[in-house]
N, C-alpha and C. Protein backbone atom coordinates (compact mmCIF):
# COMPACT_ATOMS: atom_id res chain seq x y z
N UNK A 1 -38.66 -43.96 15.35
CA UNK A 1 -37.35 -43.99 14.96
C UNK A 1 -36.50 -44.47 16.15
N UNK A 2 -35.37 -45.22 16.14
CA UNK A 2 -34.52 -45.67 17.35
C UNK A 2 -33.46 -44.59 17.66
N UNK A 3 -33.42 -44.82 18.94
CA UNK A 3 -32.46 -43.71 19.27
C UNK A 3 -31.11 -44.31 19.98
N UNK A 4 -30.12 -43.75 19.68
CA UNK A 4 -28.73 -44.16 20.42
C UNK A 4 -28.48 -43.56 21.93
N UNK A 5 -27.85 -44.21 22.49
CA UNK A 5 -27.63 -43.52 23.88
C UNK A 5 -27.08 -42.22 23.73
N UNK A 6 -27.57 -41.03 24.44
CA UNK A 6 -27.01 -39.87 24.33
C UNK A 6 -27.10 -39.09 22.83
N UNK A 7 -27.81 -39.86 22.21
CA UNK A 7 -28.21 -39.04 20.87
C UNK A 7 -29.70 -39.26 20.56
N UNK A 8 -30.58 -38.78 21.21
CA UNK A 8 -31.95 -38.70 20.96
C UNK A 8 -32.16 -38.15 19.72
N UNK A 9 -32.75 -38.55 18.29
CA UNK A 9 -32.89 -37.81 17.27
C UNK A 9 -34.20 -37.80 16.72
N UNK A 10 -34.23 -36.70 15.78
CA UNK A 10 -35.17 -36.46 15.23
C UNK A 10 -34.82 -36.18 13.65
N UNK A 11 -36.07 -36.58 12.73
CA UNK A 11 -35.50 -35.94 11.37
C UNK A 11 -35.81 -34.66 11.17
N UNK A 12 -34.92 -33.77 10.44
CA UNK A 12 -35.35 -32.50 10.05
C UNK A 12 -35.82 -32.28 8.97
N UNK A 13 -36.38 -31.16 8.42
CA UNK A 13 -36.81 -31.06 7.16
C UNK A 13 -36.38 -31.88 5.82
N UNK A 14 -35.01 -31.78 5.70
CA UNK A 14 -34.49 -32.49 4.84
C UNK A 14 -34.34 -34.02 4.98
N UNK A 15 -34.85 -34.60 5.96
CA UNK A 15 -34.84 -36.06 6.49
C UNK A 15 -33.55 -36.62 6.84
N UNK A 16 -32.69 -35.47 7.36
CA UNK A 16 -31.31 -35.85 8.08
C UNK A 16 -31.69 -35.92 9.30
N UNK A 17 -31.11 -36.81 9.96
CA UNK A 17 -31.00 -37.05 11.51
C UNK A 17 -30.44 -36.07 12.38
N UNK A 18 -31.03 -35.32 13.29
CA UNK A 18 -30.42 -34.52 14.03
C UNK A 18 -30.86 -34.73 15.65
N UNK A 19 -29.62 -34.49 16.28
CA UNK A 19 -30.08 -35.13 17.71
C UNK A 19 -30.74 -33.79 18.43
N UNK A 20 -31.82 -34.58 19.29
CA UNK A 20 -32.54 -33.18 20.16
C UNK A 20 -31.51 -32.87 21.16
N UNK A 21 -30.87 -33.79 21.85
CA UNK A 21 -29.73 -33.39 22.89
C UNK A 21 -28.63 -34.35 22.58
N UNK A 22 -27.46 -33.64 22.43
CA UNK A 22 -26.32 -34.27 22.02
C UNK A 22 -25.51 -34.42 23.70
N UNK A 23 -25.76 -35.57 24.40
CA UNK A 23 -25.27 -35.52 25.71
C UNK A 23 -23.91 -35.47 25.90
N UNK A 24 -23.07 -35.77 24.91
CA UNK A 24 -21.64 -35.45 24.85
C UNK A 24 -21.15 -34.05 24.95
N UNK A 25 -22.11 -33.21 24.37
CA UNK A 25 -21.80 -31.81 24.41
C UNK A 25 -22.01 -31.23 25.84
N UNK A 26 -23.14 -31.47 26.28
CA UNK A 26 -23.59 -31.41 27.59
C UNK A 26 -22.60 -31.72 28.72
N UNK A 27 -22.06 -32.90 28.55
CA UNK A 27 -21.08 -33.56 29.57
C UNK A 27 -19.93 -32.67 29.39
N UNK A 28 -19.26 -32.23 28.10
CA UNK A 28 -18.26 -31.51 27.93
C UNK A 28 -18.24 -30.18 28.61
N UNK A 29 -19.54 -29.52 28.66
CA UNK A 29 -20.02 -28.28 29.07
C UNK A 29 -19.66 -28.53 30.77
N UNK A 30 -20.20 -29.60 31.16
CA UNK A 30 -20.26 -29.79 32.69
C UNK A 30 -18.80 -29.90 33.10
N UNK A 31 -17.91 -30.44 32.29
CA UNK A 31 -16.46 -30.63 32.58
C UNK A 31 -15.69 -29.39 32.68
N UNK A 32 -16.23 -28.68 31.58
CA UNK A 32 -15.51 -27.37 31.35
C UNK A 32 -15.73 -26.47 32.67
N UNK A 33 -16.92 -25.98 32.93
CA UNK A 33 -17.47 -25.14 33.71
C UNK A 33 -17.66 -25.66 35.26
N UNK A 34 -18.03 -26.85 35.32
CA UNK A 34 -18.55 -27.49 36.37
C UNK A 34 -20.14 -27.93 36.60
N UNK A 35 -20.19 -28.65 37.37
CA UNK A 35 -21.81 -29.12 37.19
C UNK A 35 -22.76 -28.19 37.81
N UNK A 36 -22.35 -27.49 38.78
CA UNK A 36 -23.25 -26.51 39.48
C UNK A 36 -23.32 -25.29 38.52
N UNK A 37 -22.21 -24.85 37.89
CA UNK A 37 -22.34 -23.65 36.90
C UNK A 37 -23.26 -24.02 35.70
N UNK A 38 -22.97 -25.51 35.47
CA UNK A 38 -23.80 -25.99 34.22
C UNK A 38 -25.31 -26.05 34.35
N UNK A 39 -25.69 -26.39 35.79
CA UNK A 39 -27.03 -26.50 36.07
C UNK A 39 -27.64 -24.88 36.14
N UNK A 40 -26.90 -23.99 36.46
CA UNK A 40 -27.29 -22.54 36.42
C UNK A 40 -27.48 -22.14 35.00
N UNK A 41 -26.58 -22.35 34.22
CA UNK A 41 -26.42 -21.93 32.87
C UNK A 41 -27.71 -22.58 32.10
N UNK A 42 -28.06 -24.00 32.48
CA UNK A 42 -29.40 -24.66 31.90
C UNK A 42 -30.69 -24.03 32.17
N UNK A 43 -30.64 -23.81 33.60
CA UNK A 43 -31.86 -22.84 34.16
C UNK A 43 -32.18 -21.57 33.31
N UNK A 44 -30.92 -20.78 32.99
CA UNK A 44 -30.90 -19.55 32.56
C UNK A 44 -31.38 -19.83 31.11
N UNK A 45 -30.85 -20.74 30.34
CA UNK A 45 -31.20 -21.20 28.94
C UNK A 45 -32.68 -21.32 28.79
N UNK A 46 -33.20 -22.19 29.78
CA UNK A 46 -34.63 -22.38 29.72
C UNK A 46 -35.50 -21.07 29.89
N UNK A 47 -35.26 -20.44 30.71
CA UNK A 47 -35.98 -19.41 30.96
C UNK A 47 -35.79 -18.13 29.57
N UNK A 48 -34.64 -18.12 29.12
CA UNK A 48 -34.38 -17.43 27.81
C UNK A 48 -35.24 -17.93 26.62
N UNK A 49 -35.08 -19.41 26.62
CA UNK A 49 -35.82 -19.94 25.65
C UNK A 49 -37.30 -19.55 25.58
N UNK A 50 -37.95 -19.44 26.79
CA UNK A 50 -39.46 -19.20 26.96
C UNK A 50 -39.54 -17.73 26.40
N UNK A 51 -38.72 -16.92 26.82
CA UNK A 51 -38.73 -15.53 26.25
C UNK A 51 -38.45 -15.20 24.69
N UNK A 52 -37.54 -15.96 24.25
CA UNK A 52 -37.23 -15.94 22.76
C UNK A 52 -38.52 -16.46 22.13
N UNK A 53 -38.85 -17.61 22.44
CA UNK A 53 -40.03 -18.34 21.81
C UNK A 53 -41.10 -17.30 21.51
N UNK A 54 -41.41 -16.90 22.76
CA UNK A 54 -42.66 -16.11 22.98
C UNK A 54 -42.51 -14.84 21.98
N UNK A 55 -41.47 -14.17 22.07
CA UNK A 55 -40.99 -12.90 20.99
C UNK A 55 -41.24 -13.31 19.70
N UNK A 56 -40.66 -14.44 19.25
CA UNK A 56 -40.36 -14.95 17.90
C UNK A 56 -42.00 -15.36 17.48
N UNK A 57 -42.87 -15.71 18.26
CA UNK A 57 -44.13 -16.28 17.97
C UNK A 57 -45.09 -14.93 17.86
N UNK A 58 -44.72 -13.93 18.37
CA UNK A 58 -45.76 -12.81 18.27
C UNK A 58 -45.72 -11.81 17.00
N UNK A 59 -46.82 -11.77 16.39
CA UNK A 59 -46.84 -11.20 15.00
C UNK A 59 -46.34 -9.77 15.29
N UNK A 60 -46.46 -9.11 16.25
CA UNK A 60 -46.06 -7.72 16.17
C UNK A 60 -44.57 -7.52 16.60
N UNK A 61 -44.04 -8.76 16.81
CA UNK A 61 -42.64 -8.37 16.98
C UNK A 61 -41.65 -8.08 15.75
N UNK A 62 -40.99 -7.06 15.87
CA UNK A 62 -40.17 -6.71 14.44
C UNK A 62 -39.30 -7.89 14.12
N UNK A 63 -39.15 -7.96 12.67
CA UNK A 63 -38.40 -8.98 11.89
C UNK A 63 -37.00 -8.75 12.57
N UNK A 64 -36.31 -7.76 12.81
CA UNK A 64 -34.83 -7.80 13.15
C UNK A 64 -34.89 -8.40 14.53
N UNK A 65 -35.80 -8.17 15.45
CA UNK A 65 -35.81 -8.70 16.74
C UNK A 65 -35.92 -10.23 16.66
N UNK A 66 -36.77 -10.58 16.02
CA UNK A 66 -37.14 -12.18 15.61
C UNK A 66 -35.81 -12.62 15.07
N UNK A 67 -34.94 -11.99 14.23
CA UNK A 67 -33.84 -12.72 13.82
C UNK A 67 -32.60 -12.66 14.75
N UNK A 68 -32.78 -11.63 15.63
CA UNK A 68 -31.75 -11.56 16.67
C UNK A 68 -32.03 -12.65 17.72
N UNK A 69 -33.24 -12.79 18.04
CA UNK A 69 -33.67 -13.66 19.07
C UNK A 69 -33.11 -15.17 18.83
N UNK A 70 -33.40 -15.53 17.14
CA UNK A 70 -33.20 -16.65 16.76
C UNK A 70 -31.77 -17.15 16.87
N UNK A 71 -31.00 -15.93 16.30
CA UNK A 71 -29.63 -15.96 16.34
C UNK A 71 -29.09 -16.22 18.01
N UNK A 72 -29.66 -15.69 18.76
CA UNK A 72 -28.74 -16.12 20.13
C UNK A 72 -29.24 -17.58 20.55
N UNK A 73 -30.34 -17.96 20.07
CA UNK A 73 -30.72 -19.59 20.44
C UNK A 73 -29.72 -20.65 19.38
N UNK A 74 -29.16 -20.10 18.27
CA UNK A 74 -28.41 -20.99 17.51
C UNK A 74 -27.21 -21.31 18.19
N UNK A 75 -26.59 -20.13 18.77
CA UNK A 75 -25.04 -20.60 19.68
C UNK A 75 -25.34 -21.14 20.78
N UNK A 76 -26.31 -20.54 21.56
CA UNK A 76 -26.56 -21.25 22.92
C UNK A 76 -27.06 -22.59 23.16
N UNK A 77 -28.10 -22.99 22.30
CA UNK A 77 -28.58 -24.32 22.08
C UNK A 77 -27.48 -25.10 21.68
N UNK A 78 -26.65 -24.76 20.62
CA UNK A 78 -25.57 -25.66 20.08
C UNK A 78 -24.60 -25.69 21.22
N UNK A 79 -24.41 -24.73 22.00
CA UNK A 79 -23.23 -25.04 23.01
C UNK A 79 -23.63 -26.14 24.04
N UNK A 80 -24.98 -25.99 24.23
CA UNK A 80 -25.53 -26.81 25.30
C UNK A 80 -25.80 -28.29 24.84
N UNK A 81 -25.70 -28.47 23.46
CA UNK A 81 -25.98 -29.55 22.97
C UNK A 81 -27.41 -29.81 22.19
N UNK A 82 -28.23 -28.78 22.27
CA UNK A 82 -29.56 -29.01 21.83
C UNK A 82 -29.32 -28.93 20.08
N UNK A 83 -29.03 -29.55 19.56
CA UNK A 83 -28.61 -29.47 17.97
C UNK A 83 -29.79 -29.30 17.24
N UNK A 84 -30.87 -29.92 17.52
CA UNK A 84 -32.15 -29.68 16.65
C UNK A 84 -32.68 -28.30 16.76
N UNK A 85 -32.63 -27.85 18.00
CA UNK A 85 -33.10 -26.62 18.31
C UNK A 85 -32.29 -25.49 17.56
N UNK A 86 -30.88 -25.70 17.92
CA UNK A 86 -29.93 -24.63 17.14
C UNK A 86 -30.20 -24.75 15.58
N UNK A 87 -30.31 -25.96 15.06
CA UNK A 87 -30.53 -26.03 13.66
C UNK A 87 -31.76 -25.47 13.02
N UNK A 88 -32.86 -25.33 14.13
CA UNK A 88 -34.18 -25.05 13.51
C UNK A 88 -34.40 -23.31 13.82
N UNK A 89 -33.55 -22.98 14.83
CA UNK A 89 -33.23 -21.50 15.14
C UNK A 89 -32.52 -20.85 13.81
N UNK A 90 -31.40 -21.59 13.37
CA UNK A 90 -30.82 -21.25 12.17
C UNK A 90 -31.71 -21.04 10.93
N UNK A 91 -32.38 -22.03 10.86
CA UNK A 91 -33.46 -21.99 9.57
C UNK A 91 -34.30 -20.80 9.71
N UNK A 92 -34.70 -20.65 10.77
CA UNK A 92 -35.59 -19.52 11.10
C UNK A 92 -35.12 -18.10 10.70
N UNK A 93 -33.96 -18.15 11.46
CA UNK A 93 -33.39 -16.72 11.42
C UNK A 93 -32.71 -16.50 9.81
N UNK A 94 -32.67 -17.71 9.05
CA UNK A 94 -32.12 -17.38 7.54
C UNK A 94 -33.36 -16.97 7.01
N UNK A 95 -34.61 -17.71 7.05
CA UNK A 95 -35.86 -17.23 6.48
C UNK A 95 -36.06 -15.85 6.78
N UNK A 96 -36.03 -15.26 7.91
CA UNK A 96 -36.46 -13.95 8.14
C UNK A 96 -35.36 -13.06 7.59
N UNK A 97 -34.27 -13.34 7.48
CA UNK A 97 -33.21 -12.35 6.78
C UNK A 97 -33.43 -12.52 5.17
N UNK A 98 -33.85 -13.62 4.79
CA UNK A 98 -34.35 -13.65 3.16
C UNK A 98 -35.74 -13.13 2.91
N UNK A 99 -36.27 -12.24 4.02
CA UNK A 99 -37.91 -12.07 3.73
C UNK A 99 -38.69 -13.00 3.07
N UNK A 100 -38.52 -14.29 3.58
CA UNK A 100 -39.53 -15.14 3.21
C UNK A 100 -40.91 -14.75 3.72
N UNK A 101 -42.09 -14.98 2.47
CA UNK A 101 -43.10 -14.37 2.73
C UNK A 101 -43.98 -15.25 4.03
N UNK A 102 -43.97 -16.39 3.85
CA UNK A 102 -44.63 -17.17 4.75
C UNK A 102 -43.61 -18.11 5.58
N UNK A 103 -43.49 -17.32 6.96
CA UNK A 103 -42.39 -17.88 7.86
C UNK A 103 -43.39 -18.97 8.83
N UNK A 104 -44.59 -19.33 8.54
CA UNK A 104 -45.24 -20.36 9.30
C UNK A 104 -44.43 -21.76 9.40
N UNK A 105 -44.13 -22.19 8.25
CA UNK A 105 -43.51 -23.51 8.33
C UNK A 105 -42.05 -23.46 9.21
N UNK A 106 -41.33 -22.40 8.91
CA UNK A 106 -40.11 -22.24 9.70
C UNK A 106 -40.35 -22.16 11.19
N UNK A 107 -41.66 -21.37 11.65
CA UNK A 107 -41.93 -20.95 12.80
C UNK A 107 -42.49 -22.35 13.60
N UNK A 108 -43.11 -23.21 12.78
CA UNK A 108 -43.82 -24.44 13.12
C UNK A 108 -42.69 -25.47 13.58
N UNK A 109 -41.61 -25.43 12.58
CA UNK A 109 -40.45 -26.36 12.92
C UNK A 109 -39.71 -26.04 14.10
N UNK A 110 -39.46 -24.54 14.35
CA UNK A 110 -38.72 -24.02 15.59
C UNK A 110 -39.63 -24.37 16.76
N UNK A 111 -40.92 -24.22 16.52
CA UNK A 111 -41.70 -24.48 17.97
C UNK A 111 -41.64 -26.08 18.47
N UNK A 112 -41.62 -26.86 17.48
CA UNK A 112 -41.73 -28.23 17.69
C UNK A 112 -40.34 -28.79 18.20
N UNK A 113 -39.13 -27.99 17.87
CA UNK A 113 -37.90 -28.30 18.17
C UNK A 113 -37.77 -28.11 19.79
N UNK A 114 -38.21 -26.69 19.92
CA UNK A 114 -38.27 -25.99 21.36
C UNK A 114 -39.06 -26.94 22.24
N UNK A 115 -40.13 -27.43 21.78
CA UNK A 115 -41.00 -28.48 22.67
C UNK A 115 -40.03 -29.70 23.06
N UNK A 116 -39.41 -30.40 22.17
CA UNK A 116 -38.58 -31.23 22.39
C UNK A 116 -37.49 -30.87 23.15
N UNK A 117 -36.94 -29.73 23.08
CA UNK A 117 -35.74 -29.26 23.69
C UNK A 117 -36.11 -29.00 25.14
N UNK A 118 -37.32 -28.54 25.58
CA UNK A 118 -37.89 -28.26 26.74
C UNK A 118 -37.97 -29.74 27.76
N UNK A 119 -38.54 -30.68 26.72
CA UNK A 119 -38.80 -31.97 27.24
C UNK A 119 -37.36 -32.56 27.80
N UNK A 120 -36.29 -32.61 27.03
CA UNK A 120 -34.93 -32.89 27.24
C UNK A 120 -34.45 -32.31 28.25
N UNK A 121 -34.53 -30.99 28.49
CA UNK A 121 -34.25 -30.07 29.62
C UNK A 121 -34.78 -30.64 31.12
N UNK A 122 -35.99 -30.74 30.71
CA UNK A 122 -36.95 -31.31 32.17
C UNK A 122 -36.48 -32.61 32.61
N UNK A 123 -35.94 -33.40 31.72
CA UNK A 123 -35.35 -34.71 32.01
C UNK A 123 -33.92 -34.70 32.64
N UNK A 124 -33.44 -33.55 32.51
CA UNK A 124 -31.93 -33.59 33.24
C UNK A 124 -31.69 -32.81 34.28
N UNK A 125 -32.95 -31.81 34.61
CA UNK A 125 -32.65 -30.89 35.56
C UNK A 125 -33.29 -31.36 36.78
């Protein structure tokens, strides 16, 4: 798949193109709060991402906590411009809320999106 500048895309489960990192949103964040604060926010998000993914992946984590952690990622990832991660977090959260029996496909998609998000974050920090 070819990428456009500032729009590294992946196909989601429905075949739609979703940006891994929408650099225009990241640029807007930097303009709004400043580069230094944006760098701090990105570092904090990276730490939170690791914590959320670990908890979501753990079999013993209660479903309400999994849903809450996915919900937090929806908003924060979207604000940073990590659109794919935001979307996959929303899909996972909705699957948990609907009591889907097999969360594995949703979890796998979320984990893949998280890996790509980490790679993008590593490239900009």
